[in-house]
Amino acid sequence: MRTNQRAIQSYGDVKNTTGVASANNVQLIQMLFDGLLESLVVARGHIVHLNISEKSKALTRATRIVLGLQGALDFEKGGDLASNLNELYAYVTRRLFQANAQNDVAAVDEVHGLMREIRDAWEGVPSLVPASSRPANLMN
């Protein structure tokens, strides 16, 4: 439940909050990644169009989401996977700061690619859980 609460707090500025209260952990993580990817696309557009103020807002939002994902890691249950994700999220946070400081489109693109791969991996998580042990909202 603690992980669920941290994920909900991290969700913060993601525009579409419908379903957050009833979402399971997998759905929350997927929504966080969706918000992160959206923020990166918006930030890239603002860099290209030299809209520095809005770029900063979008990258700050992306950074908050990454920090929320990082804070929700369970090192006890997650073992090496949690440790590897922790390192990845730390790297991504550094790249986002660099992108913001230097208006670096390549850094935004790199982070987008990395986070897209992780988001795509989360798509398969519900199919890994046996149907008999899935919560009702995962079975739809």
N, C-alpha and C. Protein backbone atom coordinates (compact mmCIF):
# COMPACT_ATOMS: atom_id res chain seq x y z
N MET A 1 0.83 -1.20 0.00
CA MET A 1 0.00 0.00 0.00
C MET A 1 0.87 1.26 0.00
N ARG A 2 2.02 1.20 0.70
CA ARG A 2 2.90 2.35 0.75
C ARG A 2 3.39 2.73 -0.63
N THR A 3 3.73 1.74 -1.45
CA THR A 3 4.16 1.98 -2.83
C THR A 3 3.04 2.66 -3.60
N ASN A 4 1.82 2.20 -3.41
CA ASN A 4 0.66 2.77 -4.07
C ASN A 4 0.51 4.25 -3.71
N GLN A 5 0.67 4.58 -2.42
CA GLN A 5 0.54 5.97 -1.98
C GLN A 5 1.62 6.85 -2.58
N ARG A 6 2.86 6.35 -2.62
CA ARG A 6 3.95 7.15 -3.21
C ARG A 6 3.71 7.37 -4.70
N ALA A 7 3.21 6.36 -5.38
CA ALA A 7 2.94 6.50 -6.80
C ALA A 7 1.83 7.52 -7.04
N ILE A 8 0.79 7.47 -6.22
CA ILE A 8 -0.31 8.44 -6.36
C ILE A 8 0.20 9.85 -6.13
N GLN A 9 1.05 10.04 -5.10
CA GLN A 9 1.61 11.37 -4.85
C GLN A 9 2.45 11.84 -6.02
N SER A 10 3.22 10.93 -6.61
CA SER A 10 4.09 11.29 -7.72
C SER A 10 3.29 11.66 -8.96
N TYR A 11 2.13 11.09 -9.06
CA TYR A 11 1.31 11.31 -10.25
C TYR A 11 1.03 12.79 -10.43
N GLY A 12 0.83 13.50 -9.30
CA GLY A 12 0.70 14.94 -9.25
C GLY A 12 0.05 15.63 -10.42
N ASP A 13 0.87 16.14 -11.34
CA ASP A 13 0.42 17.01 -12.40
C ASP A 13 -0.09 16.29 -13.64
N VAL A 14 -0.06 14.98 -13.66
CA VAL A 14 -0.52 14.28 -14.86
C VAL A 14 -1.98 14.63 -15.06
N LYS A 15 -2.31 15.11 -16.23
CA LYS A 15 -3.62 15.73 -16.48
C LYS A 15 -4.81 14.83 -16.21
N ASN A 16 -4.80 13.60 -16.70
CA ASN A 16 -5.97 12.74 -16.61
C ASN A 16 -5.91 11.91 -15.34
N THR A 17 -6.60 12.35 -14.29
CA THR A 17 -6.56 11.64 -13.02
C THR A 17 -7.70 10.65 -12.87
N THR A 18 -8.53 10.49 -13.87
CA THR A 18 -9.62 9.53 -13.80
C THR A 18 -9.07 8.15 -13.60
N GLY A 19 -9.58 7.46 -12.59
CA GLY A 19 -9.18 6.08 -12.35
C GLY A 19 -7.99 5.91 -11.45
N VAL A 20 -7.33 6.96 -11.02
CA VAL A 20 -6.14 6.81 -10.19
C VAL A 20 -6.48 6.15 -8.86
N ALA A 21 -7.56 6.56 -8.24
CA ALA A 21 -7.91 6.02 -6.93
C ALA A 21 -8.20 4.52 -6.97
N SER A 22 -8.72 4.04 -8.09
CA SER A 22 -9.06 2.62 -8.17
C SER A 22 -8.03 1.81 -8.95
N ALA A 23 -6.96 2.43 -9.39
CA ALA A 23 -5.95 1.73 -10.19
C ALA A 23 -5.09 0.84 -9.31
N ASN A 24 -4.67 -0.28 -9.88
CA ASN A 24 -3.73 -1.14 -9.16
C ASN A 24 -2.32 -0.62 -9.39
N ASN A 25 -1.34 -1.24 -8.75
CA ASN A 25 0.05 -0.76 -8.86
C ASN A 25 0.54 -0.73 -10.30
N VAL A 26 0.25 -1.76 -11.08
CA VAL A 26 0.71 -1.82 -12.47
C VAL A 26 0.09 -0.68 -13.27
N GLN A 27 -1.18 -0.45 -13.09
CA GLN A 27 -1.85 0.64 -13.82
C GLN A 27 -1.29 2.00 -13.41
N LEU A 28 -1.00 2.18 -12.13
CA LEU A 28 -0.41 3.44 -11.67
C LEU A 28 0.95 3.68 -12.31
N ILE A 29 1.77 2.65 -12.34
CA ILE A 29 3.10 2.78 -12.95
C ILE A 29 2.96 3.12 -14.43
N GLN A 30 2.03 2.46 -15.11
CA GLN A 30 1.80 2.74 -16.53
C GLN A 30 1.36 4.18 -16.73
N MET A 31 0.49 4.69 -15.86
CA MET A 31 0.04 6.08 -15.98
C MET A 31 1.20 7.05 -15.73
N LEU A 32 2.05 6.71 -14.77
CA LEU A 32 3.21 7.56 -14.51
C LEU A 32 4.11 7.62 -15.74
N PHE A 33 4.37 6.48 -16.34
CA PHE A 33 5.20 6.46 -17.55
C PHE A 33 4.53 7.22 -18.69
N ASP A 34 3.22 7.10 -18.82
CA ASP A 34 2.52 7.85 -19.86
C ASP A 34 2.68 9.35 -19.65
N GLY A 35 2.54 9.79 -18.40
CA GLY A 35 2.73 11.21 -18.09
C GLY A 35 4.16 11.65 -18.33
N LEU A 36 5.10 10.79 -18.00
CA LEU A 36 6.52 11.10 -18.23
C LEU A 36 6.79 11.26 -19.72
N LEU A 37 6.33 10.30 -20.51
CA LEU A 37 6.56 10.36 -21.96
C LEU A 37 5.90 11.59 -22.57
N GLU A 38 4.70 11.91 -22.11
CA GLU A 38 4.00 13.10 -22.61
C GLU A 38 4.81 14.36 -22.29
N SER A 39 5.33 14.45 -21.06
CA SER A 39 6.12 15.61 -20.66
C SER A 39 7.38 15.75 -21.51
N LEU A 40 7.99 14.64 -21.85
CA LEU A 40 9.21 14.68 -22.67
C LEU A 40 8.90 15.17 -24.08
N VAL A 41 7.79 14.74 -24.65
CA VAL A 41 7.40 15.19 -25.98
C VAL A 41 7.12 16.69 -25.95
N VAL A 42 6.41 17.13 -24.93
CA VAL A 42 6.10 18.56 -24.79
C VAL A 42 7.40 19.36 -24.62
N ALA A 43 8.30 18.88 -23.77
CA ALA A 43 9.57 19.58 -23.54
C ALA A 43 10.37 19.69 -24.83
N ARG A 44 10.41 18.62 -25.59
CA ARG A 44 11.16 18.63 -26.86
C ARG A 44 10.61 19.71 -27.79
N GLY A 45 9.28 19.77 -27.89
CA GLY A 45 8.65 20.79 -28.73
C GLY A 45 9.00 22.20 -28.29
N HIS A 46 9.01 22.41 -26.98
CA HIS A 46 9.34 23.74 -26.46
C HIS A 46 10.81 24.09 -26.69
N ILE A 47 11.70 23.10 -26.62
CA ILE A 47 13.11 23.38 -26.92
C ILE A 47 13.25 23.79 -28.37
N VAL A 48 12.63 23.03 -29.26
CA VAL A 48 12.72 23.31 -30.70
C VAL A 48 12.18 24.70 -31.01
N HIS A 49 11.10 25.10 -30.33
CA HIS A 49 10.47 26.39 -30.59
C HIS A 49 10.99 27.50 -29.67
N LEU A 50 12.07 27.18 -28.93
CA LEU A 50 12.73 28.15 -28.06
C LEU A 50 11.80 28.77 -27.01
N ASN A 51 10.84 27.99 -26.54
CA ASN A 51 9.95 28.43 -25.48
C ASN A 51 10.52 27.90 -24.16
N ILE A 52 11.50 28.61 -23.64
CA ILE A 52 12.32 28.15 -22.54
C ILE A 52 11.53 27.97 -21.24
N SER A 53 10.64 28.87 -20.96
CA SER A 53 9.85 28.79 -19.73
C SER A 53 9.00 27.51 -19.70
N GLU A 54 8.30 27.25 -20.78
CA GLU A 54 7.44 26.07 -20.84
C GLU A 54 8.27 24.78 -20.91
N LYS A 55 9.44 24.86 -21.54
CA LYS A 55 10.37 23.72 -21.57
C LYS A 55 10.76 23.34 -20.16
N SER A 56 11.09 24.34 -19.35
CA SER A 56 11.48 24.09 -17.97
C SER A 56 10.35 23.45 -17.17
N LYS A 57 9.14 23.92 -17.37
CA LYS A 57 7.99 23.34 -16.67
C LYS A 57 7.81 21.87 -17.06
N ALA A 58 7.91 21.57 -18.34
CA ALA A 58 7.71 20.19 -18.80
C ALA A 58 8.82 19.28 -18.28
N LEU A 59 10.06 19.76 -18.27
CA LEU A 59 11.17 18.93 -17.79
C LEU A 59 11.13 18.79 -16.26
N THR A 60 10.66 19.80 -15.57
CA THR A 60 10.48 19.69 -14.13
C THR A 60 9.43 18.63 -13.81
N ARG A 61 8.35 18.65 -14.55
CA ARG A 61 7.29 17.65 -14.37
C ARG A 61 7.84 16.25 -14.65
N ALA A 62 8.60 16.10 -15.73
CA ALA A 62 9.19 14.80 -16.06
C ALA A 62 10.13 14.34 -14.95
N THR A 63 10.93 15.25 -14.43
CA THR A 63 11.86 14.91 -13.36
C THR A 63 11.12 14.47 -12.11
N ARG A 64 10.05 15.17 -11.77
CA ARG A 64 9.25 14.79 -10.60
C ARG A 64 8.68 13.39 -10.75
N ILE A 65 8.25 13.06 -11.94
CA ILE A 65 7.70 11.72 -12.17
C ILE A 65 8.79 10.67 -12.02
N VAL A 66 9.96 10.93 -12.60
CA VAL A 66 11.07 9.97 -12.48
C VAL A 66 11.46 9.80 -11.01
N LEU A 67 11.53 10.88 -10.28
CA LEU A 67 11.86 10.79 -8.85
C LEU A 67 10.79 10.02 -8.08
N GLY A 68 9.54 10.18 -8.49
CA GLY A 68 8.46 9.42 -7.87
C GLY A 68 8.57 7.94 -8.17
N LEU A 69 8.90 7.61 -9.40
CA LEU A 69 9.11 6.21 -9.77
C LEU A 69 10.28 5.63 -8.97
N GLN A 70 11.33 6.41 -8.86
CA GLN A 70 12.51 5.97 -8.12
C GLN A 70 12.16 5.76 -6.65
N GLY A 71 11.41 6.68 -6.09
CA GLY A 71 11.03 6.58 -4.68
C GLY A 71 10.09 5.44 -4.38
N ALA A 72 9.39 4.95 -5.39
CA ALA A 72 8.44 3.86 -5.20
C ALA A 72 9.10 2.48 -5.32
N LEU A 73 10.38 2.44 -5.63
CA LEU A 73 11.06 1.14 -5.78
C LEU A 73 11.09 0.41 -4.44
N ASP A 74 10.85 -0.89 -4.49
CA ASP A 74 10.89 -1.74 -3.31
C ASP A 74 12.14 -2.61 -3.42
N PHE A 75 13.20 -2.21 -2.73
CA PHE A 75 14.48 -2.91 -2.83
C PHE A 75 14.44 -4.28 -2.17
N GLU A 76 13.56 -4.45 -1.18
CA GLU A 76 13.43 -5.76 -0.53
C GLU A 76 12.87 -6.79 -1.50
N LYS A 77 11.77 -6.46 -2.13
CA LYS A 77 11.12 -7.41 -3.05
C LYS A 77 11.74 -7.36 -4.44
N GLY A 78 12.27 -6.22 -4.82
CA GLY A 78 12.74 -6.02 -6.18
C GLY A 78 14.16 -6.50 -6.46
N GLY A 79 14.95 -6.64 -5.42
CA GLY A 79 16.32 -7.14 -5.57
C GLY A 79 17.13 -6.39 -6.60
N ASP A 80 17.79 -7.16 -7.48
CA ASP A 80 18.66 -6.58 -8.51
C ASP A 80 17.88 -5.69 -9.48
N LEU A 81 16.65 -6.08 -9.79
CA LEU A 81 15.85 -5.27 -10.72
C LEU A 81 15.63 -3.88 -10.14
N ALA A 82 15.26 -3.81 -8.87
CA ALA A 82 15.04 -2.51 -8.23
C ALA A 82 16.33 -1.70 -8.21
N SER A 83 17.45 -2.35 -7.92
CA SER A 83 18.74 -1.65 -7.90
C SER A 83 19.10 -1.11 -9.28
N ASN A 84 18.87 -1.93 -10.31
CA ASN A 84 19.16 -1.49 -11.68
C ASN A 84 18.26 -0.34 -12.10
N LEU A 85 16.98 -0.42 -11.75
CA LEU A 85 16.07 0.68 -12.07
C LEU A 85 16.46 1.93 -11.30
N ASN A 86 16.88 1.79 -10.07
CA ASN A 86 17.33 2.93 -9.28
C ASN A 86 18.48 3.65 -9.98
N GLU A 87 19.44 2.88 -10.47
CA GLU A 87 20.58 3.47 -11.19
C GLU A 87 20.12 4.13 -12.49
N LEU A 88 19.20 3.48 -13.20
CA LEU A 88 18.68 4.05 -14.44
C LEU A 88 17.95 5.36 -14.16
N TYR A 89 17.10 5.38 -13.14
CA TYR A 89 16.37 6.60 -12.82
C TYR A 89 17.31 7.73 -12.40
N ALA A 90 18.39 7.40 -11.69
CA ALA A 90 19.38 8.42 -11.30
C ALA A 90 20.04 8.99 -12.56
N TYR A 91 20.39 8.12 -13.50
CA TYR A 91 20.98 8.57 -14.75
C TYR A 91 20.00 9.45 -15.53
N VAL A 92 18.76 9.02 -15.62
CA VAL A 92 17.73 9.77 -16.34
C VAL A 92 17.54 11.14 -15.71
N THR A 93 17.55 11.21 -14.39
CA THR A 93 17.40 12.49 -13.70
C THR A 93 18.56 13.43 -14.07
N ARG A 94 19.77 12.90 -14.10
CA ARG A 94 20.93 13.73 -14.49
C ARG A 94 20.78 14.22 -15.93
N ARG A 95 20.33 13.35 -16.82
CA ARG A 95 20.14 13.75 -18.23
C ARG A 95 19.04 14.81 -18.36
N LEU A 96 17.99 14.69 -17.56
CA LEU A 96 16.92 15.70 -17.62
C LEU A 96 17.43 17.06 -17.13
N PHE A 97 18.25 17.07 -16.10
CA PHE A 97 18.86 18.33 -15.65
C PHE A 97 19.74 18.91 -16.75
N GLN A 98 20.51 18.06 -17.41
CA GLN A 98 21.36 18.51 -18.51
C GLN A 98 20.51 19.08 -19.65
N ALA A 99 19.43 18.37 -19.98
CA ALA A 99 18.55 18.82 -21.06
C ALA A 99 17.97 20.19 -20.73
N ASN A 100 17.61 20.38 -19.47
CA ASN A 100 17.02 21.65 -19.06
C ASN A 100 18.05 22.78 -19.08
N ALA A 101 19.24 22.49 -18.58
CA ALA A 101 20.29 23.52 -18.49
C ALA A 101 20.83 23.91 -19.86
N GLN A 102 20.88 22.94 -20.79
CA GLN A 102 21.54 23.18 -22.07
C GLN A 102 20.60 23.13 -23.28
N ASN A 103 19.29 23.05 -23.01
CA ASN A 103 18.31 22.93 -24.10
C ASN A 103 18.71 21.80 -25.06
N ASP A 104 19.02 20.66 -24.49
CA ASP A 104 19.60 19.53 -25.21
C ASP A 104 18.51 18.56 -25.70
N VAL A 105 18.15 18.70 -26.97
CA VAL A 105 17.13 17.82 -27.56
C VAL A 105 17.60 16.37 -27.56
N ALA A 106 18.89 16.14 -27.80
CA ALA A 106 19.41 14.77 -27.82
C ALA A 106 19.23 14.08 -26.47
N ALA A 107 19.41 14.81 -25.38
CA ALA A 107 19.21 14.24 -24.05
C ALA A 107 17.74 13.88 -23.83
N VAL A 108 16.84 14.76 -24.27
CA VAL A 108 15.41 14.48 -24.14
C VAL A 108 15.05 13.24 -24.96
N ASP A 109 15.58 13.16 -26.18
CA ASP A 109 15.31 12.01 -27.04
C ASP A 109 15.84 10.71 -26.43
N GLU A 110 17.04 10.79 -25.84
CA GLU A 110 17.62 9.61 -25.21
C GLU A 110 16.75 9.12 -24.05
N VAL A 111 16.35 10.05 -23.19
CA VAL A 111 15.50 9.70 -22.05
C VAL A 111 14.17 9.14 -22.53
N HIS A 112 13.60 9.76 -23.56
CA HIS A 112 12.33 9.28 -24.09
C HIS A 112 12.47 7.83 -24.56
N GLY A 113 13.54 7.53 -25.28
CA GLY A 113 13.76 6.17 -25.76
C GLY A 113 13.91 5.17 -24.62
N LEU A 114 14.68 5.53 -23.61
CA LEU A 114 14.88 4.65 -22.46
C LEU A 114 13.57 4.41 -21.72
N MET A 115 12.84 5.47 -21.47
CA MET A 115 11.61 5.35 -20.70
C MET A 115 10.50 4.67 -21.51
N ARG A 116 10.54 4.84 -22.83
CA ARG A 116 9.56 4.15 -23.68
C ARG A 116 9.76 2.63 -23.60
N GLU A 117 11.04 2.21 -23.57
CA GLU A 117 11.32 0.78 -23.45
C GLU A 117 10.79 0.22 -22.13
N ILE A 118 10.99 0.96 -21.05
CA ILE A 118 10.51 0.52 -19.74
C ILE A 118 8.97 0.50 -19.74
N ARG A 119 8.37 1.54 -20.30
CA ARG A 119 6.89 1.59 -20.37
C ARG A 119 6.35 0.41 -21.17
N ASP A 120 6.99 0.11 -22.29
CA ASP A 120 6.55 -1.01 -23.11
C ASP A 120 6.66 -2.33 -22.36
N ALA A 121 7.70 -2.46 -21.53
CA ALA A 121 7.86 -3.68 -20.73
C ALA A 121 6.72 -3.83 -19.72
N TRP A 122 6.25 -2.70 -19.18
CA TRP A 122 5.14 -2.75 -18.23
C TRP A 122 3.84 -3.22 -18.88
N GLU A 123 3.73 -3.07 -20.19
CA GLU A 123 2.53 -3.54 -20.89
C GLU A 123 2.32 -5.04 -20.69
N GLY A 124 3.41 -5.80 -20.60
CA GLY A 124 3.31 -7.24 -20.48
C GLY A 124 3.15 -7.75 -19.07
N VAL A 125 3.28 -6.89 -18.07
CA VAL A 125 3.21 -7.33 -16.68
C VAL A 125 1.88 -8.02 -16.34
N PRO A 126 0.72 -7.47 -16.69
CA PRO A 126 -0.52 -8.15 -16.33
C PRO A 126 -0.60 -9.58 -16.86
N SER A 127 -0.03 -9.86 -18.00
CA SER A 127 -0.10 -11.21 -18.55
C SER A 127 0.80 -12.19 -17.79
N LEU A 128 1.72 -11.67 -16.97
CA LEU A 128 2.59 -12.52 -16.17
C LEU A 128 1.93 -13.00 -14.89
N VAL A 129 0.85 -12.32 -14.49
CA VAL A 129 0.14 -12.67 -13.27
C VAL A 129 -0.94 -13.69 -13.62
N PRO A 130 -0.95 -14.85 -12.96
CA PRO A 130 -1.99 -15.84 -13.25
C PRO A 130 -3.38 -15.24 -13.06
N ALA A 131 -4.30 -15.59 -13.95
CA ALA A 131 -5.66 -15.02 -13.93
C ALA A 131 -6.34 -15.23 -12.58
N SER A 132 -6.10 -16.33 -11.92
CA SER A 132 -6.76 -16.61 -10.65
C SER A 132 -6.29 -15.70 -9.52
N SER A 133 -5.12 -15.09 -9.66
CA SER A 133 -4.63 -14.22 -8.59
C SER A 133 -4.67 -12.74 -8.96
N ARG A 134 -5.24 -12.41 -10.10
CA ARG A 134 -5.35 -11.01 -10.51
C ARG A 134 -6.49 -10.32 -9.80
N PRO A 135 -6.30 -9.05 -9.45
CA PRO A 135 -7.43 -8.26 -8.93
C PRO A 135 -8.48 -8.13 -10.05
N ALA A 136 -9.69 -7.87 -9.64
CA ALA A 136 -10.79 -7.79 -10.61
C ALA A 136 -10.53 -6.79 -11.72
N ASN A 137 -9.92 -5.64 -11.40
CA ASN A 137 -9.72 -4.62 -12.44
C ASN A 137 -8.59 -4.97 -13.40
N LEU A 138 -7.82 -6.02 -13.15
CA LEU A 138 -6.80 -6.47 -14.09
C LEU A 138 -7.36 -7.50 -15.07
N MET A 139 -8.49 -8.07 -14.75
CA MET A 139 -9.03 -9.16 -15.54
C MET A 139 -9.84 -8.66 -16.73
N ASN A 140 -10.05 -7.40 -16.83
CA ASN A 140 -10.85 -6.85 -17.94
C ASN A 140 -10.04 -6.71 -19.19
